[in-house]
N, C-alpha and C. Protein backbone atom coordinates (compact mmCIF):
# COMPACT_ATOMS: atom_id res chain seq x y z
N GLY A 1 -9.81 17.55 26.67
CA GLY A 1 -9.86 17.85 28.09
C GLY A 1 -8.82 17.08 28.85
N PRO A 2 -8.73 17.23 30.16
CA PRO A 2 -7.72 16.54 30.96
C PRO A 2 -7.85 15.03 30.89
N SER A 3 -9.08 14.53 30.77
CA SER A 3 -9.25 13.08 30.78
C SER A 3 -8.75 12.42 29.51
N SER A 4 -8.64 13.19 28.40
CA SER A 4 -8.22 12.59 27.15
C SER A 4 -6.72 12.39 27.07
N GLN A 5 -5.94 13.15 27.80
CA GLN A 5 -4.49 13.06 27.69
C GLN A 5 -3.94 11.72 28.19
N PRO A 6 -4.31 11.22 29.35
CA PRO A 6 -3.81 9.91 29.76
C PRO A 6 -4.24 8.81 28.79
N HIS A 7 -5.44 8.93 28.24
CA HIS A 7 -5.93 7.93 27.31
C HIS A 7 -5.07 7.90 26.04
N ALA A 8 -4.64 9.09 25.57
CA ALA A 8 -3.84 9.17 24.35
C ALA A 8 -2.46 8.56 24.55
N ALA A 9 -1.92 8.66 25.76
CA ALA A 9 -0.57 8.16 26.01
C ALA A 9 -0.56 6.67 26.32
N ALA A 10 -1.69 6.13 26.74
CA ALA A 10 -1.75 4.75 27.21
C ALA A 10 -1.33 3.70 26.20
N PRO A 11 -1.75 3.80 24.89
CA PRO A 11 -1.42 2.72 23.97
C PRO A 11 0.06 2.45 23.81
N ARG A 12 0.91 3.45 23.97
CA ARG A 12 2.34 3.25 23.77
C ARG A 12 3.02 2.55 24.96
N ALA A 13 2.43 2.68 26.12
CA ALA A 13 3.09 2.19 27.33
C ALA A 13 3.40 0.70 27.34
N PRO A 14 2.44 -0.20 26.99
CA PRO A 14 2.73 -1.62 27.10
C PRO A 14 3.88 -2.09 26.23
N CYS A 15 4.14 -1.39 25.10
CA CYS A 15 5.15 -1.84 24.17
C CYS A 15 6.36 -0.93 24.11
N SER A 16 6.43 0.06 24.99
CA SER A 16 7.50 1.05 24.90
C SER A 16 8.87 0.45 25.22
N ALA A 17 8.88 -0.62 26.00
CA ALA A 17 10.16 -1.19 26.44
C ALA A 17 10.45 -2.54 25.80
N VAL A 18 9.71 -2.91 24.72
CA VAL A 18 9.96 -4.21 24.11
C VAL A 18 11.34 -4.24 23.47
N THR A 19 11.99 -5.39 23.55
CA THR A 19 13.34 -5.53 23.01
C THR A 19 13.42 -6.82 22.20
N GLY A 20 14.57 -7.03 21.56
CA GLY A 20 14.83 -8.28 20.87
C GLY A 20 13.85 -8.57 19.76
N SER A 21 13.40 -9.83 19.69
CA SER A 21 12.51 -10.26 18.62
C SER A 21 11.19 -9.49 18.63
N ALA A 22 10.66 -9.22 19.82
CA ALA A 22 9.38 -8.51 19.92
C ALA A 22 9.50 -7.12 19.30
N ARG A 23 10.59 -6.44 19.58
CA ARG A 23 10.78 -5.10 19.01
C ARG A 23 10.86 -5.15 17.49
N LYS A 24 11.56 -6.17 16.96
CA LYS A 24 11.70 -6.30 15.51
C LYS A 24 10.34 -6.62 14.88
N VAL A 25 9.57 -7.50 15.52
CA VAL A 25 8.24 -7.83 15.02
C VAL A 25 7.35 -6.59 15.00
N ARG A 26 7.45 -5.79 16.05
CA ARG A 26 6.64 -4.57 16.12
C ARG A 26 7.03 -3.59 15.03
N ASP A 27 8.33 -3.46 14.79
CA ASP A 27 8.80 -2.59 13.70
C ASP A 27 8.30 -3.11 12.34
N ASN A 28 8.34 -4.43 12.16
CA ASN A 28 7.88 -5.02 10.91
C ASN A 28 6.39 -4.75 10.69
N ALA A 29 5.61 -4.82 11.77
CA ALA A 29 4.17 -4.56 11.67
C ALA A 29 3.92 -3.13 11.18
N ALA A 30 4.70 -2.19 11.71
CA ALA A 30 4.57 -0.79 11.25
C ALA A 30 4.95 -0.68 9.78
N ASP A 31 5.96 -1.43 9.36
CA ASP A 31 6.37 -1.40 7.95
C ASP A 31 5.28 -1.97 7.05
N TRP A 32 4.64 -3.06 7.50
CA TRP A 32 3.52 -3.61 6.73
C TRP A 32 2.43 -2.56 6.54
N HIS A 33 2.11 -1.88 7.61
CA HIS A 33 1.08 -0.85 7.55
C HIS A 33 1.44 0.25 6.55
N ASN A 34 2.67 0.73 6.64
CA ASN A 34 3.10 1.83 5.76
C ASN A 34 3.16 1.40 4.30
N LEU A 35 3.63 0.18 4.04
CA LEU A 35 3.71 -0.32 2.66
C LEU A 35 2.32 -0.48 2.06
N MET A 36 1.37 -0.96 2.86
CA MET A 36 0.02 -1.13 2.36
C MET A 36 -0.66 0.21 2.10
N LEU A 37 -0.34 1.22 2.92
CA LEU A 37 -0.86 2.57 2.65
C LEU A 37 -0.30 3.11 1.34
N ARG A 38 1.00 2.90 1.11
CA ARG A 38 1.61 3.35 -0.14
C ARG A 38 1.00 2.62 -1.33
N TRP A 39 0.75 1.34 -1.18
CA TRP A 39 0.11 0.56 -2.25
C TRP A 39 -1.27 1.14 -2.57
N ASP A 40 -2.03 1.45 -1.54
CA ASP A 40 -3.38 1.99 -1.75
C ASP A 40 -3.33 3.33 -2.47
N ARG A 41 -2.36 4.17 -2.12
CA ARG A 41 -2.23 5.46 -2.79
C ARG A 41 -1.89 5.27 -4.27
N LEU A 42 -1.00 4.33 -4.56
CA LEU A 42 -0.64 4.05 -5.95
C LEU A 42 -1.82 3.47 -6.72
N THR A 43 -2.62 2.63 -6.06
CA THR A 43 -3.81 2.07 -6.70
C THR A 43 -4.77 3.18 -7.09
N GLU A 44 -5.00 4.13 -6.20
CA GLU A 44 -5.88 5.26 -6.49
C GLU A 44 -5.33 6.11 -7.63
N GLU A 45 -4.04 6.35 -7.60
CA GLU A 45 -3.41 7.12 -8.68
C GLU A 45 -3.56 6.37 -10.00
N GLY A 46 -3.37 5.06 -9.96
CA GLY A 46 -3.48 4.24 -11.16
C GLY A 46 -4.88 4.22 -11.75
N VAL A 47 -5.90 4.27 -10.90
CA VAL A 47 -7.27 4.32 -11.38
C VAL A 47 -7.48 5.56 -12.25
N ASP A 48 -6.97 6.69 -11.79
CA ASP A 48 -7.12 7.94 -12.56
C ASP A 48 -6.40 7.84 -13.90
N VAL A 49 -5.17 7.30 -13.88
CA VAL A 49 -4.40 7.20 -15.12
C VAL A 49 -5.05 6.20 -16.07
N ALA A 50 -5.46 5.05 -15.55
CA ALA A 50 -6.09 4.02 -16.40
C ALA A 50 -7.39 4.53 -17.00
N THR A 51 -8.16 5.27 -16.23
CA THR A 51 -9.40 5.85 -16.75
C THR A 51 -9.11 6.81 -17.89
N SER A 52 -8.06 7.61 -17.74
CA SER A 52 -7.71 8.55 -18.82
C SER A 52 -7.23 7.80 -20.06
N ILE A 53 -6.58 6.65 -19.88
CA ILE A 53 -6.16 5.83 -21.02
C ILE A 53 -7.38 5.33 -21.79
N VAL A 54 -8.35 4.79 -21.04
CA VAL A 54 -9.56 4.28 -21.67
C VAL A 54 -10.30 5.39 -22.40
N ASN A 55 -10.40 6.55 -21.78
CA ASN A 55 -11.10 7.68 -22.40
C ASN A 55 -10.38 8.16 -23.66
N THR A 56 -9.06 8.25 -23.59
CA THR A 56 -8.28 8.70 -24.74
C THR A 56 -8.42 7.74 -25.90
N LYS A 57 -8.38 6.44 -25.62
CA LYS A 57 -8.51 5.45 -26.69
C LYS A 57 -9.90 5.47 -27.30
N SER A 58 -10.93 5.61 -26.47
CA SER A 58 -12.29 5.63 -27.00
C SER A 58 -12.52 6.87 -27.86
N GLU A 59 -11.93 8.00 -27.48
CA GLU A 59 -12.06 9.22 -28.27
C GLU A 59 -11.31 9.09 -29.60
N SER A 60 -10.12 8.49 -29.56
CA SER A 60 -9.33 8.37 -30.79
C SER A 60 -9.97 7.41 -31.78
N LEU A 61 -10.73 6.43 -31.27
CA LEU A 61 -11.40 5.50 -32.17
C LEU A 61 -12.53 6.16 -32.93
N LEU A 62 -13.09 7.22 -32.39
CA LEU A 62 -14.21 7.90 -33.05
C LEU A 62 -13.73 8.81 -34.17
N VAL A 63 -12.52 9.34 -34.08
CA VAL A 63 -12.04 10.33 -35.04
C VAL A 63 -11.84 9.74 -36.44
N PRO A 64 -11.19 8.57 -36.59
CA PRO A 64 -11.02 8.03 -37.94
C PRO A 64 -12.35 7.79 -38.64
N GLU A 65 -13.39 7.40 -37.90
CA GLU A 65 -14.70 7.18 -38.50
C GLU A 65 -15.24 8.49 -39.09
N ALA A 66 -15.06 9.58 -38.39
CA ALA A 66 -15.53 10.87 -38.87
C ALA A 66 -14.76 11.31 -40.10
N SER A 67 -13.44 11.11 -40.10
CA SER A 67 -12.62 11.56 -41.22
C SER A 67 -12.88 10.71 -42.46
N SER A 68 -13.17 9.42 -42.27
CA SER A 68 -13.40 8.55 -43.42
C SER A 68 -14.70 8.88 -44.12
N SER A 69 -15.63 9.49 -43.40
CA SER A 69 -16.91 9.85 -44.01
C SER A 69 -16.89 11.22 -44.66
N SER A 70 -15.79 11.96 -44.49
CA SER A 70 -15.69 13.29 -45.10
C SER A 70 -15.39 13.14 -46.59
N PHE A 71 -15.63 14.21 -47.36
CA PHE A 71 -15.49 14.14 -48.80
C PHE A 71 -14.11 14.61 -49.24
N SER A 72 -13.07 13.96 -48.76
CA SER A 72 -11.72 14.30 -49.18
C SER A 72 -11.31 13.37 -50.31
N SER A 73 -10.36 13.81 -51.08
CA SER A 73 -9.92 13.01 -52.22
C SER A 73 -9.10 11.83 -51.73
N PRO A 74 -9.07 10.72 -52.47
CA PRO A 74 -8.29 9.54 -52.05
C PRO A 74 -6.82 9.85 -51.85
N SER A 75 -6.27 10.71 -52.71
CA SER A 75 -4.84 11.01 -52.59
C SER A 75 -4.55 11.78 -51.31
N SER A 76 -5.42 12.76 -50.97
CA SER A 76 -5.16 13.57 -49.78
C SER A 76 -5.35 12.75 -48.52
N SER A 77 -6.33 11.85 -48.51
CA SER A 77 -6.57 11.06 -47.30
C SER A 77 -5.47 10.06 -47.08
N SER A 78 -4.94 9.47 -48.16
CA SER A 78 -3.89 8.48 -48.00
C SER A 78 -2.60 9.14 -47.55
N SER A 79 -2.31 10.35 -48.08
CA SER A 79 -1.07 11.01 -47.69
C SER A 79 -1.14 11.48 -46.24
N SER A 80 -2.31 11.96 -45.81
CA SER A 80 -2.42 12.46 -44.45
C SER A 80 -2.34 11.33 -43.44
N SER A 81 -2.93 10.15 -43.78
CA SER A 81 -2.91 9.05 -42.84
C SER A 81 -1.52 8.45 -42.70
N SER A 82 -0.69 8.60 -43.72
CA SER A 82 0.65 8.01 -43.65
C SER A 82 1.64 8.92 -42.95
N THR A 83 1.33 10.23 -42.88
CA THR A 83 2.30 11.15 -42.31
C THR A 83 1.93 11.64 -40.92
N GLN A 84 0.64 11.57 -40.56
CA GLN A 84 0.22 12.11 -39.28
C GLN A 84 -0.08 10.99 -38.28
N PRO A 85 0.33 11.15 -37.03
CA PRO A 85 0.02 10.14 -36.02
C PRO A 85 -1.47 10.13 -35.69
N ALA A 86 -1.93 9.03 -35.13
CA ALA A 86 -3.33 8.94 -34.74
C ALA A 86 -3.64 9.98 -33.68
N PRO A 87 -4.86 10.52 -33.69
CA PRO A 87 -5.23 11.53 -32.68
C PRO A 87 -5.05 10.99 -31.27
N GLY A 88 -4.40 11.77 -30.43
CA GLY A 88 -4.22 11.36 -29.04
C GLY A 88 -3.10 10.38 -28.80
N ALA A 89 -2.31 10.05 -29.83
CA ALA A 89 -1.27 9.02 -29.68
C ALA A 89 -0.22 9.43 -28.65
N ALA A 90 0.21 10.68 -28.69
CA ALA A 90 1.23 11.13 -27.74
C ALA A 90 0.70 11.10 -26.30
N GLU A 91 -0.54 11.56 -26.12
CA GLU A 91 -1.14 11.53 -24.78
C GLU A 91 -1.31 10.11 -24.29
N LEU A 92 -1.71 9.22 -25.20
CA LEU A 92 -1.91 7.82 -24.83
C LEU A 92 -0.60 7.17 -24.39
N GLN A 93 0.46 7.43 -25.14
CA GLN A 93 1.76 6.86 -24.79
C GLN A 93 2.24 7.38 -23.44
N GLU A 94 2.07 8.69 -23.23
CA GLU A 94 2.51 9.28 -21.96
C GLU A 94 1.77 8.67 -20.78
N ARG A 95 0.46 8.45 -20.92
CA ARG A 95 -0.33 7.89 -19.82
C ARG A 95 -0.02 6.42 -19.60
N CYS A 96 0.23 5.70 -20.67
CA CYS A 96 0.63 4.29 -20.52
C CYS A 96 1.96 4.18 -19.78
N LEU A 97 2.88 5.09 -20.07
CA LEU A 97 4.16 5.10 -19.37
C LEU A 97 3.98 5.46 -17.90
N ARG A 98 3.04 6.36 -17.62
CA ARG A 98 2.75 6.70 -16.22
C ARG A 98 2.21 5.50 -15.47
N LEU A 99 1.31 4.75 -16.10
CA LEU A 99 0.74 3.57 -15.45
C LEU A 99 1.81 2.51 -15.25
N LEU A 100 2.70 2.37 -16.21
CA LEU A 100 3.81 1.42 -16.08
C LEU A 100 4.71 1.81 -14.92
N ASP A 101 4.95 3.10 -14.76
CA ASP A 101 5.77 3.59 -13.65
C ASP A 101 5.12 3.27 -12.31
N ILE A 102 3.79 3.39 -12.24
CA ILE A 102 3.07 3.05 -11.01
C ILE A 102 3.25 1.57 -10.68
N VAL A 103 3.15 0.72 -11.70
CA VAL A 103 3.31 -0.72 -11.48
C VAL A 103 4.75 -1.04 -11.04
N GLU A 104 5.71 -0.32 -11.57
CA GLU A 104 7.11 -0.52 -11.15
C GLU A 104 7.29 -0.15 -9.67
N LYS A 105 6.62 0.91 -9.24
CA LYS A 105 6.67 1.28 -7.82
C LYS A 105 5.99 0.22 -6.96
N MET A 106 4.91 -0.37 -7.46
CA MET A 106 4.24 -1.46 -6.75
C MET A 106 5.15 -2.69 -6.66
N THR A 107 5.92 -2.92 -7.72
CA THR A 107 6.87 -4.04 -7.72
C THR A 107 7.91 -3.84 -6.62
N ALA A 108 8.36 -2.61 -6.45
CA ALA A 108 9.33 -2.30 -5.39
C ALA A 108 8.71 -2.52 -4.00
N ILE A 109 7.42 -2.19 -3.86
CA ILE A 109 6.74 -2.41 -2.59
C ILE A 109 6.68 -3.89 -2.26
N VAL A 110 6.34 -4.72 -3.25
CA VAL A 110 6.25 -6.16 -3.01
C VAL A 110 7.63 -6.73 -2.68
N ALA A 111 8.67 -6.18 -3.28
CA ALA A 111 10.03 -6.63 -2.94
C ALA A 111 10.35 -6.34 -1.47
N LYS A 112 9.90 -5.20 -0.97
CA LYS A 112 10.08 -4.88 0.45
C LYS A 112 9.24 -5.79 1.34
N MET A 113 8.04 -6.15 0.86
CA MET A 113 7.21 -7.10 1.59
C MET A 113 7.88 -8.47 1.68
N GLU A 114 8.55 -8.86 0.61
CA GLU A 114 9.29 -10.13 0.62
C GLU A 114 10.37 -10.11 1.69
N ARG A 115 11.04 -8.97 1.84
CA ARG A 115 12.08 -8.87 2.87
C ARG A 115 11.48 -8.92 4.27
N LEU A 116 10.29 -8.33 4.43
CA LEU A 116 9.62 -8.41 5.73
C LEU A 116 9.25 -9.85 6.07
N ALA A 117 8.73 -10.58 5.08
CA ALA A 117 8.36 -11.97 5.30
C ALA A 117 9.60 -12.81 5.63
N ALA A 118 10.71 -12.53 4.95
CA ALA A 118 11.95 -13.25 5.24
C ALA A 118 12.44 -12.93 6.64
N SER A 119 12.27 -11.69 7.07
CA SER A 119 12.66 -11.29 8.42
C SER A 119 11.84 -12.05 9.46
N GLN A 120 10.52 -12.18 9.19
CA GLN A 120 9.65 -12.91 10.14
C GLN A 120 10.04 -14.39 10.21
N GLU A 121 10.43 -14.94 9.08
CA GLU A 121 10.86 -16.34 9.08
C GLU A 121 12.14 -16.51 9.91
N ALA A 122 13.07 -15.58 9.76
CA ALA A 122 14.31 -15.64 10.53
C ALA A 122 14.04 -15.47 12.02
N LEU A 123 13.11 -14.60 12.37
CA LEU A 123 12.76 -14.41 13.78
C LEU A 123 12.10 -15.65 14.37
N ARG A 124 11.29 -16.32 13.57
CA ARG A 124 10.67 -17.57 14.04
C ARG A 124 11.74 -18.61 14.30
N GLU A 125 12.72 -18.72 13.40
CA GLU A 125 13.82 -19.68 13.60
C GLU A 125 14.61 -19.34 14.86
N LEU A 126 14.84 -18.04 15.09
CA LEU A 126 15.58 -17.62 16.28
C LEU A 126 14.81 -17.97 17.54
N GLU A 127 13.50 -17.74 17.54
CA GLU A 127 12.69 -18.04 18.72
C GLU A 127 12.57 -19.54 18.96
N GLU A 128 12.56 -20.31 17.90
CA GLU A 128 12.58 -21.77 18.05
C GLU A 128 13.87 -22.21 18.72
N PHE A 129 14.98 -21.61 18.31
CA PHE A 129 16.27 -21.96 18.90
C PHE A 129 16.32 -21.57 20.37
N ARG A 130 15.79 -20.40 20.68
CA ARG A 130 15.82 -19.92 22.07
C ARG A 130 14.91 -20.73 22.98
N SER A 131 13.71 -21.03 22.46
CA SER A 131 12.72 -21.70 23.32
C SER A 131 12.82 -23.21 23.28
N GLY A 132 13.46 -23.73 22.23
CA GLY A 132 13.55 -25.18 22.10
C GLY A 132 12.24 -25.81 21.70
N SER A 133 11.29 -25.02 21.20
CA SER A 133 9.99 -25.57 20.79
C SER A 133 9.63 -25.08 19.40
N ALA A 134 8.92 -25.92 18.65
CA ALA A 134 8.55 -25.58 17.28
C ALA A 134 7.67 -24.34 17.25
N GLY A 135 7.98 -23.45 16.33
CA GLY A 135 7.18 -22.24 16.17
C GLY A 135 7.49 -21.14 17.15
N GLY A 136 8.43 -21.38 18.09
CA GLY A 136 8.69 -20.39 19.13
C GLY A 136 7.44 -20.17 19.94
N ALA A 137 7.02 -21.19 20.67
CA ALA A 137 5.67 -21.26 21.24
C ALA A 137 5.31 -20.11 22.17
N ALA A 138 6.28 -19.55 22.89
CA ALA A 138 5.95 -18.49 23.85
C ALA A 138 5.48 -17.24 23.13
N PRO A 139 4.38 -16.62 23.59
CA PRO A 139 3.89 -15.39 22.94
C PRO A 139 4.91 -14.26 23.03
N LEU A 140 5.04 -13.51 21.92
CA LEU A 140 5.95 -12.35 21.93
C LEU A 140 5.25 -11.12 22.49
N PHE A 141 3.93 -11.08 22.39
CA PHE A 141 3.16 -9.95 22.93
C PHE A 141 2.00 -10.48 23.78
N HIS A 142 0.82 -10.61 23.20
CA HIS A 142 -0.35 -11.06 23.96
C HIS A 142 -0.57 -12.55 23.82
N SER A 143 -0.74 -13.00 22.56
CA SER A 143 -1.06 -14.42 22.37
C SER A 143 -0.37 -15.06 21.18
N TRP A 144 0.16 -14.27 20.24
CA TRP A 144 0.73 -14.85 19.03
C TRP A 144 2.15 -15.36 19.27
N SER A 145 2.43 -16.54 18.72
CA SER A 145 3.79 -17.05 18.70
C SER A 145 4.52 -16.47 17.49
N ALA A 146 5.84 -16.72 17.43
CA ALA A 146 6.63 -16.24 16.29
C ALA A 146 6.13 -16.86 14.99
N LYS A 147 5.64 -18.11 15.08
CA LYS A 147 5.12 -18.78 13.87
C LYS A 147 3.86 -18.07 13.36
N GLN A 148 3.03 -17.59 14.23
CA GLN A 148 1.82 -16.88 13.79
C GLN A 148 2.16 -15.56 13.10
N PHE A 149 3.20 -14.88 13.57
CA PHE A 149 3.64 -13.66 12.89
C PHE A 149 4.19 -14.01 11.51
N GLU A 150 4.93 -15.10 11.42
CA GLU A 150 5.45 -15.53 10.11
C GLU A 150 4.29 -15.88 9.17
N ASP A 151 3.31 -16.63 9.65
CA ASP A 151 2.18 -17.02 8.82
C ASP A 151 1.40 -15.79 8.33
N THR A 152 1.26 -14.80 9.20
CA THR A 152 0.55 -13.57 8.83
C THR A 152 1.29 -12.84 7.71
N SER A 153 2.60 -12.76 7.82
CA SER A 153 3.40 -12.10 6.79
C SER A 153 3.29 -12.85 5.46
N GLN A 154 3.32 -14.16 5.52
CA GLN A 154 3.22 -14.95 4.29
C GLN A 154 1.86 -14.78 3.64
N LEU A 155 0.81 -14.68 4.45
CA LEU A 155 -0.53 -14.49 3.91
C LEU A 155 -0.63 -13.15 3.18
N LEU A 156 -0.12 -12.10 3.81
CA LEU A 156 -0.15 -10.77 3.20
C LEU A 156 0.71 -10.73 1.94
N LEU A 157 1.90 -11.32 2.03
CA LEU A 157 2.81 -11.33 0.87
C LEU A 157 2.17 -12.05 -0.31
N SER A 158 1.52 -13.19 -0.06
CA SER A 158 0.88 -13.94 -1.13
C SER A 158 -0.19 -13.11 -1.83
N ALA A 159 -1.00 -12.40 -1.05
CA ALA A 159 -2.08 -11.59 -1.62
C ALA A 159 -1.52 -10.49 -2.52
N PHE A 160 -0.51 -9.77 -2.05
CA PHE A 160 0.02 -8.65 -2.82
C PHE A 160 0.87 -9.13 -4.00
N THR A 161 1.50 -10.29 -3.88
CA THR A 161 2.25 -10.86 -5.00
C THR A 161 1.31 -11.19 -6.15
N GLU A 162 0.18 -11.83 -5.82
CA GLU A 162 -0.79 -12.19 -6.86
C GLU A 162 -1.44 -10.95 -7.46
N GLU A 163 -1.71 -9.95 -6.64
CA GLU A 163 -2.32 -8.73 -7.16
C GLU A 163 -1.34 -7.98 -8.06
N LEU A 164 -0.06 -8.01 -7.72
CA LEU A 164 0.95 -7.38 -8.58
C LEU A 164 0.97 -8.05 -9.95
N LYS A 165 0.89 -9.39 -9.98
CA LYS A 165 0.86 -10.10 -11.27
C LYS A 165 -0.33 -9.64 -12.11
N LEU A 166 -1.48 -9.48 -11.47
CA LEU A 166 -2.67 -9.02 -12.19
C LEU A 166 -2.46 -7.61 -12.74
N LYS A 167 -1.90 -6.73 -11.94
CA LYS A 167 -1.70 -5.35 -12.39
C LYS A 167 -0.67 -5.28 -13.51
N GLN A 168 0.32 -6.18 -13.49
CA GLN A 168 1.29 -6.22 -14.59
C GLN A 168 0.62 -6.64 -15.89
N VAL A 169 -0.36 -7.53 -15.80
CA VAL A 169 -1.12 -7.92 -16.99
C VAL A 169 -2.00 -6.76 -17.46
N ILE A 170 -2.66 -6.12 -16.52
CA ILE A 170 -3.58 -5.03 -16.86
C ILE A 170 -2.85 -3.91 -17.59
N VAL A 171 -1.69 -3.53 -17.09
CA VAL A 171 -0.98 -2.39 -17.68
C VAL A 171 -0.56 -2.70 -19.12
N GLN A 172 -0.29 -3.97 -19.43
CA GLN A 172 0.05 -4.35 -20.81
C GLN A 172 -1.19 -4.42 -21.69
N GLU A 173 -2.23 -5.08 -21.18
CA GLU A 173 -3.43 -5.29 -21.98
C GLU A 173 -4.19 -3.99 -22.23
N LEU A 174 -4.20 -3.12 -21.23
CA LEU A 174 -4.94 -1.86 -21.37
C LEU A 174 -4.35 -1.01 -22.48
N ALA A 175 -3.05 -1.14 -22.69
CA ALA A 175 -2.39 -0.34 -23.73
C ALA A 175 -2.70 -0.84 -25.14
N HIS A 176 -3.08 -2.13 -25.25
CA HIS A 176 -3.19 -2.72 -26.58
C HIS A 176 -4.61 -3.08 -27.01
N THR A 177 -5.51 -3.32 -26.07
CA THR A 177 -6.85 -3.73 -26.47
C THR A 177 -7.61 -2.60 -27.15
N ALA A 178 -8.36 -2.97 -28.19
CA ALA A 178 -9.20 -1.99 -28.89
C ALA A 178 -10.65 -2.09 -28.44
N SER A 179 -10.92 -3.00 -27.52
CA SER A 179 -12.29 -3.20 -27.05
C SER A 179 -12.57 -2.31 -25.84
N PHE A 180 -13.59 -1.47 -25.97
CA PHE A 180 -13.96 -0.60 -24.85
C PHE A 180 -14.48 -1.44 -23.68
N ASP A 181 -15.29 -2.45 -23.98
CA ASP A 181 -15.85 -3.30 -22.91
C ASP A 181 -14.75 -4.02 -22.15
N LEU A 182 -13.77 -4.56 -22.87
CA LEU A 182 -12.67 -5.25 -22.21
C LEU A 182 -11.84 -4.26 -21.39
N SER A 183 -11.66 -3.06 -21.89
CA SER A 183 -10.94 -2.03 -21.14
C SER A 183 -11.64 -1.74 -19.82
N MET A 184 -12.96 -1.70 -19.83
CA MET A 184 -13.71 -1.45 -18.61
C MET A 184 -13.55 -2.60 -17.61
N VAL A 185 -13.43 -3.82 -18.12
CA VAL A 185 -13.18 -4.97 -17.24
C VAL A 185 -11.82 -4.82 -16.56
N TYR A 186 -10.81 -4.45 -17.34
CA TYR A 186 -9.47 -4.24 -16.76
C TYR A 186 -9.50 -3.12 -15.73
N LEU A 187 -10.21 -2.07 -16.04
CA LEU A 187 -10.30 -0.93 -15.12
C LEU A 187 -10.97 -1.35 -13.81
N SER A 188 -12.01 -2.15 -13.92
CA SER A 188 -12.71 -2.64 -12.73
C SER A 188 -11.81 -3.55 -11.90
N CYS A 189 -11.03 -4.41 -12.56
CA CYS A 189 -10.11 -5.30 -11.84
C CYS A 189 -9.03 -4.51 -11.11
N TRP A 190 -8.53 -3.46 -11.77
CA TRP A 190 -7.52 -2.61 -11.12
C TRP A 190 -8.09 -2.00 -9.83
N LEU A 191 -9.32 -1.51 -9.93
CA LEU A 191 -9.92 -0.81 -8.80
C LEU A 191 -10.27 -1.75 -7.66
N HIS A 192 -10.87 -2.90 -7.97
CA HIS A 192 -11.42 -3.78 -6.92
C HIS A 192 -10.41 -4.78 -6.37
N GLN A 193 -9.27 -4.98 -7.04
CA GLN A 193 -8.17 -5.78 -6.50
C GLN A 193 -8.65 -7.13 -5.94
N PRO A 194 -9.07 -8.05 -6.82
CA PRO A 194 -9.65 -9.32 -6.36
C PRO A 194 -8.72 -10.18 -5.53
N ASN A 195 -7.41 -9.99 -5.68
CA ASN A 195 -6.46 -10.81 -4.92
C ASN A 195 -6.16 -10.27 -3.53
N ILE A 196 -6.71 -9.08 -3.22
CA ILE A 196 -6.54 -8.51 -1.88
C ILE A 196 -7.92 -8.38 -1.27
N PRO A 197 -8.48 -9.47 -0.74
CA PRO A 197 -9.83 -9.44 -0.19
C PRO A 197 -9.86 -8.68 1.14
N PRO A 198 -11.05 -8.36 1.63
CA PRO A 198 -11.16 -7.68 2.94
C PRO A 198 -10.43 -8.42 4.05
N GLN A 199 -10.34 -9.75 3.94
CA GLN A 199 -9.65 -10.52 4.97
C GLN A 199 -8.19 -10.09 5.13
N SER A 200 -7.57 -9.64 4.03
CA SER A 200 -6.19 -9.18 4.11
C SER A 200 -6.08 -7.92 4.97
N ARG A 201 -7.06 -7.03 4.84
CA ARG A 201 -7.06 -5.81 5.65
C ARG A 201 -7.31 -6.16 7.12
N LEU A 202 -8.18 -7.12 7.35
CA LEU A 202 -8.43 -7.55 8.73
C LEU A 202 -7.20 -8.19 9.34
N THR A 203 -6.44 -8.92 8.51
CA THR A 203 -5.20 -9.54 8.97
C THR A 203 -4.21 -8.47 9.42
N LEU A 204 -4.10 -7.39 8.64
CA LEU A 204 -3.22 -6.29 9.04
C LEU A 204 -3.69 -5.68 10.35
N GLU A 205 -4.99 -5.47 10.51
CA GLU A 205 -5.51 -4.88 11.74
C GLU A 205 -5.21 -5.79 12.93
N ALA A 206 -5.35 -7.10 12.74
CA ALA A 206 -5.03 -8.04 13.82
C ALA A 206 -3.55 -7.96 14.18
N LEU A 207 -2.70 -7.84 13.17
CA LEU A 207 -1.25 -7.71 13.41
C LEU A 207 -0.94 -6.44 14.20
N LEU A 208 -1.58 -5.33 13.82
CA LEU A 208 -1.36 -4.06 14.53
C LEU A 208 -1.89 -4.11 15.94
N LEU A 209 -3.00 -4.80 16.12
CA LEU A 209 -3.59 -4.94 17.46
C LEU A 209 -2.69 -5.78 18.36
N GLU A 210 -2.21 -6.89 17.83
CA GLU A 210 -1.36 -7.80 18.61
C GLU A 210 -0.05 -7.13 19.04
N THR A 211 0.49 -6.26 18.17
CA THR A 211 1.77 -5.63 18.47
C THR A 211 1.65 -4.30 19.18
N GLY A 212 0.42 -3.87 19.49
CA GLY A 212 0.23 -2.65 20.27
C GLY A 212 0.11 -1.37 19.47
N HIS A 213 0.13 -1.48 18.12
CA HIS A 213 -0.06 -0.28 17.30
C HIS A 213 -1.52 0.16 17.29
N ARG A 214 -2.43 -0.79 17.54
CA ARG A 214 -3.85 -0.51 17.66
C ARG A 214 -4.30 -0.93 19.04
N THR A 215 -5.35 -0.27 19.55
CA THR A 215 -5.92 -0.64 20.84
C THR A 215 -7.41 -0.87 20.68
N LEU A 216 -7.94 -1.73 21.51
CA LEU A 216 -9.38 -2.02 21.47
C LEU A 216 -10.17 -0.84 22.04
């Protein structure tokens, strides 16, 4: 209705004319948001691929047991096992490569996060020089100083850096472990992302709120 249109336009107004460091900080906040969305999409994609890896491995482990109990001659069983790949081997390799590709894309995301954190550090140094006070004490928007924006970036970067290390371990271990129970632990760790607690999501929301991307 007519009353909703002014409300929709209002959030952009306070920050539409920001310039200098504030504009760069606001752009960085949008980049943080977009990178975290991309990370979440890759995590969801990885859950599907990792689940298929676990399922393929569990199915392939059952087949040799069935064949060993069949009444084939020793010569035929030995020749077939030496010439034929394990059931599902090609599918397993393809899915492991897909999961590795997802982790490589996550590595690229963290590299971009590192550049964002470095940008925030440079902006804090610039604001310190301009203001003559530690941390660039004057608020760039509502209440945060340049140092608070830098600290927020470092907090987010630390969380995603540690989570990337975990996912790099998972993608290697999931391909090699023969334990179904251990595979389920890895799958759970991939999904629940212990190094990215809810506080990290709240930190992003606070950053978006402070820079005008979100409104109360």
